[in-house]
Amino acid sequence: MGVGISIFLLALGGILAFAVTADVNGVDLAVVGFILMAVGVVGIIISLVLMNQRSNTSHRVVEERRYRDDGTLY
C-alpha cells in the first residue's frame, strides 16, 4: 500500500466519520470511518519506513586492475 492509497483511505475515513449522516442498518458509518483512517495512518507509516530503508542503501564499486610483468598497467 503506497502513500497515495493511504491518503485516500484517510480522506474516505474522514468523510465517513464526520460528514455522512445517513443511517445504515447494522453498520455504524462513523466507526467504519475511524477504522479506515487508522488503516490509512498505519499505511503511511509503513510506506515511509520502507522508503527510508530504500534510500539508505550503499553501493560498492569494484575496479579490476591488470598489470604486466614489468609492473605497468595494461
PDB file of N, CA and C in Angstrom:
ATOM      1  N   MET A   1       0.856  -1.160   0.000  1.00  0.00           N
ATOM      2  CA  MET A   1       0.000   0.000   0.000  1.00  0.00           C
ATOM      3  C   MET A   1       0.908   1.230   0.000  1.00  0.00           C
ATOM      4  N   GLY A   2       0.703   2.097  -0.971  1.00  0.00           N
ATOM      5  CA  GLY A   2       1.527   3.278  -1.097  1.00  0.00           C
ATOM      6  C   GLY A   2       0.974   4.462  -0.327  1.00  0.00           C
ATOM      7  N   VAL A   3       1.696   5.554  -0.434  1.00  0.00           N
ATOM      8  CA  VAL A   3       1.300   6.767   0.257  1.00  0.00           C
ATOM      9  C   VAL A   3      -0.016   7.294  -0.316  1.00  0.00           C
ATOM     10  N   GLY A   4      -0.186   7.192  -1.630  1.00  0.00           N
ATOM     11  CA  GLY A   4      -1.404   7.691  -2.258  1.00  0.00           C
ATOM     12  C   GLY A   4      -2.652   6.973  -1.785  1.00  0.00           C
ATOM     13  N   ILE A   5      -2.577   5.666  -1.715  1.00  0.00           N
ATOM     14  CA  ILE A   5      -3.727   4.883  -1.248  1.00  0.00           C
ATOM     15  C   ILE A   5      -4.001   5.178   0.224  1.00  0.00           C
ATOM     16  N   SER A   6      -2.946   5.372   1.000  1.00  0.00           N
ATOM     17  CA  SER A   6      -3.122   5.682   2.421  1.00  0.00           C
ATOM     18  C   SER A   6      -3.807   7.035   2.613  1.00  0.00           C
ATOM     19  N   ILE A   7      -3.418   8.011   1.809  1.00  0.00           N
ATOM     20  CA  ILE A   7      -4.075   9.319   1.897  1.00  0.00           C
ATOM     21  C   ILE A   7      -5.528   9.205   1.466  1.00  0.00           C
ATOM     22  N   PHE A   8      -5.791   8.410   0.431  1.00  0.00           N
ATOM     23  CA  PHE A   8      -7.173   8.189   0.003  1.00  0.00           C
ATOM     24  C   PHE A   8      -8.003   7.567   1.121  1.00  0.00           C
ATOM     25  N   LEU A   9      -7.444   6.574   1.823  1.00  0.00           N
ATOM     26  CA  LEU A   9      -8.169   5.944   2.933  1.00  0.00           C
ATOM     27  C   LEU A   9      -8.415   6.931   4.069  1.00  0.00           C
ATOM     28  N   LEU A  10      -7.434   7.795   4.337  1.00  0.00           N
ATOM     29  CA  LEU A  10      -7.633   8.823   5.356  1.00  0.00           C
ATOM     30  C   LEU A  10      -8.778   9.757   4.974  1.00  0.00           C
ATOM     31  N   ALA A  11      -8.792  10.191   3.722  1.00  0.00           N
ATOM     32  CA  ALA A  11      -9.844  11.106   3.277  1.00  0.00           C
ATOM     33  C   ALA A  11     -11.208  10.426   3.299  1.00  0.00           C
ATOM     34  N   LEU A  12     -11.275   9.204   2.809  1.00  0.00           N
ATOM     35  CA  LEU A  12     -12.541   8.470   2.799  1.00  0.00           C
ATOM     36  C   LEU A  12     -13.037   8.214   4.223  1.00  0.00           C
ATOM     37  N   GLY A  13     -12.130   7.847   5.114  1.00  0.00           N
ATOM     38  CA  GLY A  13     -12.500   7.636   6.507  1.00  0.00           C
ATOM     39  C   GLY A  13     -12.979   8.911   7.170  1.00  0.00           C
ATOM     40  N   GLY A  14     -12.325  10.038   6.863  1.00  0.00           N
ATOM     41  CA  GLY A  14     -12.760  11.311   7.420  1.00  0.00           C
ATOM     42  C   GLY A  14     -14.143  11.711   6.933  1.00  0.00           C
ATOM     43  N   ILE A  15     -14.405  11.440   5.664  1.00  0.00           N
ATOM     44  CA  ILE A  15     -15.735  11.742   5.131  1.00  0.00           C
ATOM     45  C   ILE A  15     -16.786  10.881   5.807  1.00  0.00           C
ATOM     46  N   LEU A  16     -16.508   9.594   5.936  1.00  0.00           N
ATOM     47  CA  LEU A  16     -17.491   8.707   6.574  1.00  0.00           C
ATOM     48  C   LEU A  16     -17.669   9.037   8.054  1.00  0.00           C
ATOM     49  N   ALA A  17     -16.599   9.399   8.726  1.00  0.00           N
ATOM     50  CA  ALA A  17     -16.683   9.641  10.172  1.00  0.00           C
ATOM     51  C   ALA A  17     -17.340  10.975  10.509  1.00  0.00           C
ATOM     52  N   PHE A  18     -17.084  12.010   9.701  1.00  0.00           N
ATOM     53  CA  PHE A  18     -17.511  13.345  10.105  1.00  0.00           C
ATOM     54  C   PHE A  18     -18.585  13.967   9.217  1.00  0.00           C
ATOM     55  N   ALA A  19     -18.718  13.522   7.967  1.00  0.00           N
ATOM     56  CA  ALA A  19     -19.611  14.233   7.051  1.00  0.00           C
ATOM     57  C   ALA A  19     -20.885  13.470   6.711  1.00  0.00           C
ATOM     58  N   VAL A  20     -20.856  12.170   6.762  1.00  0.00           N
ATOM     59  CA  VAL A  20     -22.020  11.383   6.369  1.00  0.00           C
ATOM     60  C   VAL A  20     -22.943  11.231   7.571  1.00  0.00           C
ATOM     61  N   THR A  21     -24.205  11.566   7.350  1.00  0.00           N
ATOM     62  CA  THR A  21     -25.184  11.458   8.442  1.00  0.00           C
ATOM     63  C   THR A  21     -26.235  10.391   8.153  1.00  0.00           C
ATOM     64  N   ALA A  22     -26.028   9.596   7.116  1.00  0.00           N
ATOM     65  CA  ALA A  22     -27.011   8.569   6.763  1.00  0.00           C
ATOM     66  C   ALA A  22     -26.951   7.426   7.770  1.00  0.00           C
ATOM     67  N   ASP A  23     -28.067   6.722   7.910  1.00  0.00           N
ATOM     68  CA  ASP A  23     -28.138   5.561   8.793  1.00  0.00           C
ATOM     69  C   ASP A  23     -28.240   4.302   7.949  1.00  0.00           C
ATOM     70  N   VAL A  24     -27.376   3.326   8.249  1.00  0.00           N
ATOM     71  CA  VAL A  24     -27.392   2.032   7.582  1.00  0.00           C
ATOM     72  C   VAL A  24     -27.643   0.991   8.661  1.00  0.00           C
ATOM     73  N   ASN A  25     -28.571   0.096   8.409  1.00  0.00           N
ATOM     74  CA  ASN A  25     -28.902  -0.935   9.399  1.00  0.00           C
ATOM     75  C   ASN A  25     -27.708  -1.851   9.638  1.00  0.00           C
ATOM     76  N   GLY A  26     -27.300  -1.960  10.869  1.00  0.00           N
ATOM     77  CA  GLY A  26     -26.238  -2.886  11.250  1.00  0.00           C
ATOM     78  C   GLY A  26     -24.831  -2.351  11.052  1.00  0.00           C
ATOM     79  N   VAL A  27     -24.669  -1.144  10.514  1.00  0.00           N
ATOM     80  CA  VAL A  27     -23.335  -0.591  10.268  1.00  0.00           C
ATOM     81  C   VAL A  27     -23.285   0.829  10.822  1.00  0.00           C
ATOM     82  N   ASP A  28     -22.292   1.082  11.653  1.00  0.00           N
ATOM     83  CA  ASP A  28     -22.065   2.432  12.157  1.00  0.00           C
ATOM     84  C   ASP A  28     -21.007   3.073  11.262  1.00  0.00           C
ATOM     85  N   LEU A  29     -21.413   4.004  10.412  1.00  0.00           N
ATOM     86  CA  LEU A  29     -20.508   4.590   9.438  1.00  0.00           C
ATOM     87  C   LEU A  29     -19.387   5.398  10.091  1.00  0.00           C
ATOM     88  N   ALA A  30     -19.634   5.940  11.254  1.00  0.00           N
ATOM     89  CA  ALA A  30     -18.580   6.673  11.961  1.00  0.00           C
ATOM     90  C   ALA A  30     -17.454   5.733  12.380  1.00  0.00           C
ATOM     91  N   VAL A  31     -17.820   4.547  12.866  1.00  0.00           N
ATOM     92  CA  VAL A  31     -16.806   3.568  13.275  1.00  0.00           C
ATOM     93  C   VAL A  31     -16.027   3.081  12.062  1.00  0.00           C
ATOM     94  N   VAL A  32     -16.730   2.828  10.945  1.00  0.00           N
ATOM     95  CA  VAL A  32     -16.058   2.417   9.713  1.00  0.00           C
ATOM     96  C   VAL A  32     -15.094   3.519   9.266  1.00  0.00           C
ATOM     97  N   GLY A  33     -15.507   4.761   9.386  1.00  0.00           N
ATOM     98  CA  GLY A  33     -14.635   5.875   9.026  1.00  0.00           C
ATOM     99  C   GLY A  33     -13.388   5.939   9.880  1.00  0.00           C
ATOM    100  N   PHE A  34     -13.549   5.765  11.187  1.00  0.00           N
ATOM    101  CA  PHE A  34     -12.376   5.780  12.068  1.00  0.00           C
ATOM    102  C   PHE A  34     -11.445   4.604  11.782  1.00  0.00           C
ATOM    103  N   ILE A  35     -11.997   3.455  11.448  1.00  0.00           N
ATOM    104  CA  ILE A  35     -11.163   2.294  11.098  1.00  0.00           C
ATOM    105  C   ILE A  35     -10.379   2.581   9.823  1.00  0.00           C
ATOM    106  N   LEU A  36     -11.031   3.152   8.817  1.00  0.00           N
ATOM    107  CA  LEU A  36     -10.332   3.489   7.578  1.00  0.00           C
ATOM    108  C   LEU A  36      -9.248   4.532   7.814  1.00  0.00           C
ATOM    109  N   MET A  37      -9.515   5.485   8.682  1.00  0.00           N
ATOM    110  CA  MET A  37      -8.496   6.485   8.996  1.00  0.00           C
ATOM    111  C   MET A  37      -7.296   5.852   9.711  1.00  0.00           C
ATOM    112  N   ALA A  38      -7.543   4.904  10.598  1.00  0.00           N
ATOM    113  CA  ALA A  38      -6.453   4.219  11.291  1.00  0.00           C
ATOM    114  C   ALA A  38      -5.619   3.392  10.313  1.00  0.00           C
ATOM    115  N   VAL A  39      -6.301   2.707   9.396  1.00  0.00           N
ATOM    116  CA  VAL A  39      -5.578   1.921   8.382  1.00  0.00           C
ATOM    117  C   VAL A  39      -4.748   2.849   7.499  1.00  0.00           C
ATOM    118  N   GLY A  40      -5.262   4.013   7.163  1.00  0.00           N
ATOM    119  CA  GLY A  40      -4.515   4.982   6.372  1.00  0.00           C
ATOM    120  C   GLY A  40      -3.271   5.479   7.083  1.00  0.00           C
ATOM    121  N   VAL A  41      -3.391   5.762   8.371  1.00  0.00           N
ATOM    122  CA  VAL A  41      -2.232   6.219   9.146  1.00  0.00           C
ATOM    123  C   VAL A  41      -1.173   5.124   9.223  1.00  0.00           C
ATOM    124  N   VAL A  42      -1.592   3.894   9.477  1.00  0.00           N
ATOM    125  CA  VAL A  42      -0.641   2.775   9.531  1.00  0.00           C
ATOM    126  C   VAL A  42       0.023   2.584   8.167  1.00  0.00           C
ATOM    127  N   GLY A  43      -0.747   2.719   7.094  1.00  0.00           N
ATOM    128  CA  GLY A  43      -0.189   2.580   5.752  1.00  0.00           C
ATOM    129  C   GLY A  43       0.843   3.648   5.444  1.00  0.00           C
ATOM    130  N   ILE A  44       0.588   4.883   5.863  1.00  0.00           N
ATOM    131  CA  ILE A  44       1.561   5.955   5.640  1.00  0.00           C
ATOM    132  C   ILE A  44       2.840   5.683   6.420  1.00  0.00           C
ATOM    133  N   ILE A  45       2.709   5.241   7.652  1.00  0.00           N
ATOM    134  CA  ILE A  45       3.893   4.960   8.470  1.00  0.00           C
ATOM    135  C   ILE A  45       4.720   3.843   7.843  1.00  0.00           C
ATOM    136  N   ILE A  46       4.068   2.776   7.424  1.00  0.00           N
ATOM    137  CA  ILE A  46       4.792   1.660   6.804  1.00  0.00           C
ATOM    138  C   ILE A  46       5.452   2.099   5.506  1.00  0.00           C
ATOM    139  N   SER A  47       4.750   2.886   4.694  1.00  0.00           N
ATOM    140  CA  SER A  47       5.322   3.361   3.435  1.00  0.00           C
ATOM    141  C   SER A  47       6.547   4.235   3.671  1.00  0.00           C
ATOM    142  N   LEU A  48       6.478   5.120   4.649  1.00  0.00           N
ATOM    143  CA  LEU A  48       7.623   5.982   4.940  1.00  0.00           C
ATOM    144  C   LEU A  48       8.809   5.190   5.466  1.00  0.00           C
ATOM    145  N   VAL A  49       8.561   4.184   6.287  1.00  0.00           N
ATOM    146  CA  VAL A  49       9.657   3.349   6.790  1.00  0.00           C
ATOM    147  C   VAL A  49      10.311   2.591   5.649  1.00  0.00           C
ATOM    148  N   LEU A  50       9.506   2.041   4.744  1.00  0.00           N
ATOM    149  CA  LEU A  50      10.073   1.298   3.618  1.00  0.00           C
ATOM    150  C   LEU A  50      10.839   2.215   2.672  1.00  0.00           C
ATOM    151  N   MET A  51      10.342   3.425   2.439  1.00  0.00           N
ATOM    152  CA  MET A  51      11.067   4.364   1.583  1.00  0.00           C
ATOM    153  C   MET A  51      12.373   4.795   2.232  1.00  0.00           C
ATOM    154  N   ASN A  52      12.395   4.918   3.552  1.00  0.00           N
ATOM    155  CA  ASN A  52      13.623   5.284   4.247  1.00  0.00           C
ATOM    156  C   ASN A  52      14.653   4.165   4.137  1.00  0.00           C
ATOM    157  N   GLN A  53      14.223   2.930   4.193  1.00  0.00           N
ATOM    158  CA  GLN A  53      15.157   1.810   4.063  1.00  0.00           C
ATOM    159  C   GLN A  53      15.747   1.754   2.667  1.00  0.00           C
ATOM    160  N   ARG A  54      14.949   2.060   1.644  1.00  0.00           N
ATOM    161  CA  ARG A  54      15.457   2.035   0.277  1.00  0.00           C
ATOM    162  C   ARG A  54      16.482   3.129   0.040  1.00  0.00           C
ATOM    163  N   SER A  55      16.341   4.265   0.698  1.00  0.00           N
ATOM    164  CA  SER A  55      17.262   5.374   0.460  1.00  0.00           C
ATOM    165  C   SER A  55      18.574   5.198   1.205  1.00  0.00           C
ATOM    166  N   ASN A  56      18.650   4.296   2.153  1.00  0.00           N
ATOM    167  CA  ASN A  56      19.878   4.086   2.926  1.00  0.00           C
ATOM    168  C   ASN A  56      20.697   2.917   2.406  1.00  0.00           C
ATOM    169  N   THR A  57      20.620   2.649   1.121  1.00  0.00           N
ATOM    170  CA  THR A  57      21.404   1.550   0.577  1.00  0.00           C
ATOM    171  C   THR A  57      22.792   2.049   0.212  1.00  0.00           C
ATOM    172  N   SER A  58      23.739   1.169   0.248  1.00  0.00           N
ATOM    173  CA  SER A  58      25.101   1.522  -0.154  1.00  0.00           C
ATOM    174  C   SER A  58      25.483   0.675  -1.360  1.00  0.00           C
ATOM    175  N   HIS A  59      26.352   1.230  -2.159  1.00  0.00           N
ATOM    176  CA  HIS A  59      26.785   0.547  -3.369  1.00  0.00           C
ATOM    177  C   HIS A  59      28.294   0.405  -3.338  1.00  0.00           C
ATOM    178  N   ARG A  60      28.759  -0.715  -3.837  1.00  0.00           N
ATOM    179  CA  ARG A  60      30.185  -0.984  -3.855  1.00  0.00           C
ATOM    180  C   ARG A  60      30.650  -0.982  -5.299  1.00  0.00           C
ATOM    181  N   VAL A  61      31.745  -0.295  -5.546  1.00  0.00           N
ATOM    182  CA  VAL A  61      32.345  -0.260  -6.870  1.00  0.00           C
ATOM    183  C   VAL A  61      33.580  -1.137  -6.833  1.00  0.00           C
ATOM    184  N   VAL A  62      33.661  -2.047  -7.786  1.00  0.00           N
ATOM    185  CA  VAL A  62      34.802  -2.951  -7.865  1.00  0.00           C
ATOM    186  C   VAL A  62      35.601  -2.588  -9.110  1.00  0.00           C
ATOM    187  N   GLU A  63      36.871  -2.282  -8.901  1.00  0.00           N
ATOM    188  CA  GLU A  63      37.753  -1.980 -10.021  1.00  0.00           C
ATOM    189  C   GLU A  63      38.750  -3.110 -10.164  1.00  0.00           C
ATOM    190  N   GLU A  64      38.958  -3.518 -11.390  1.00  0.00           N
ATOM    191  CA  GLU A  64      39.931  -4.564 -11.656  1.00  0.00           C
ATOM    192  C   GLU A  64      41.106  -3.937 -12.381  1.00  0.00           C
ATOM    193  N   ARG A  65      42.279  -4.089 -11.839  1.00  0.00           N
ATOM    194  CA  ARG A  65      43.492  -3.559 -12.458  1.00  0.00           C
ATOM    195  C   ARG A  65      44.380  -4.730 -12.851  1.00  0.00           C
ATOM    196  N   ARG A  66      44.844  -4.675 -14.071  1.00  0.00           N
ATOM    197  CA  ARG A  66      45.730  -5.733 -14.558  1.00  0.00           C
ATOM    198  C   ARG A  66      47.106  -5.130 -14.838  1.00  0.00           C
ATOM    199  N   TYR A  67      48.094  -5.822 -14.387  1.00  0.00           N
ATOM    200  CA  TYR A  67      49.456  -5.357 -14.553  1.00  0.00           C
ATOM    201  C   TYR A  67      50.240  -6.331 -15.418  1.00  0.00           C
ATOM    202  N   ARG A  68      51.149  -5.780 -16.163  1.00  0.00           N
ATOM    203  CA  ARG A  68      52.072  -6.615 -16.936  1.00  0.00           C
ATOM    204  C   ARG A  68      53.171  -7.091 -16.013  1.00  0.00           C
ATOM    205  N   ASP A  69      54.000  -7.942 -16.520  1.00  0.00           N
ATOM    206  CA  ASP A  69      55.090  -8.485 -15.714  1.00  0.00           C
ATOM    207  C   ASP A  69      56.088  -7.408 -15.292  1.00  0.00           C
ATOM    208  N   ASP A  70      56.185  -6.321 -16.074  1.00  0.00           N
ATOM    209  CA  ASP A  70      57.130  -5.281 -15.707  1.00  0.00           C
ATOM    210  C   ASP A  70      56.517  -4.253 -14.750  1.00  0.00           C
ATOM    211  N   GLY A  71      55.260  -4.422 -14.334  1.00  0.00           N
ATOM    212  CA  GLY A  71      54.631  -3.565 -13.342  1.00  0.00           C
ATOM    213  C   GLY A  71      53.798  -2.435 -13.912  1.00  0.00           C
ATOM    214  N   THR A  72      53.669  -2.328 -15.223  1.00  0.00           N
ATOM    215  CA  THR A  72      52.864  -1.265 -15.834  1.00  0.00           C
ATOM    216  C   THR A  72      51.444  -1.768 -16.050  1.00  0.00           C
ATOM    217  N   LEU A  73      50.533  -0.810 -16.095  1.00  0.00           N
ATOM    218  CA  LEU A  73      49.129  -1.159 -16.332  1.00  0.00           C
ATOM    219  C   LEU A  73      48.906  -1.509 -17.800  1.00  0.00           C
ATOM    220  N   TYR A  74      47.942  -2.330 -18.076  1.00  0.00           N
ATOM    221  CA  TYR A  74      47.561  -2.668 -19.455  1.00  0.00           C
ATOM    222  C   TYR A  74      47.020  -1.457 -20.130  1.00  0.00           C
TER     223      TYR A  74
END
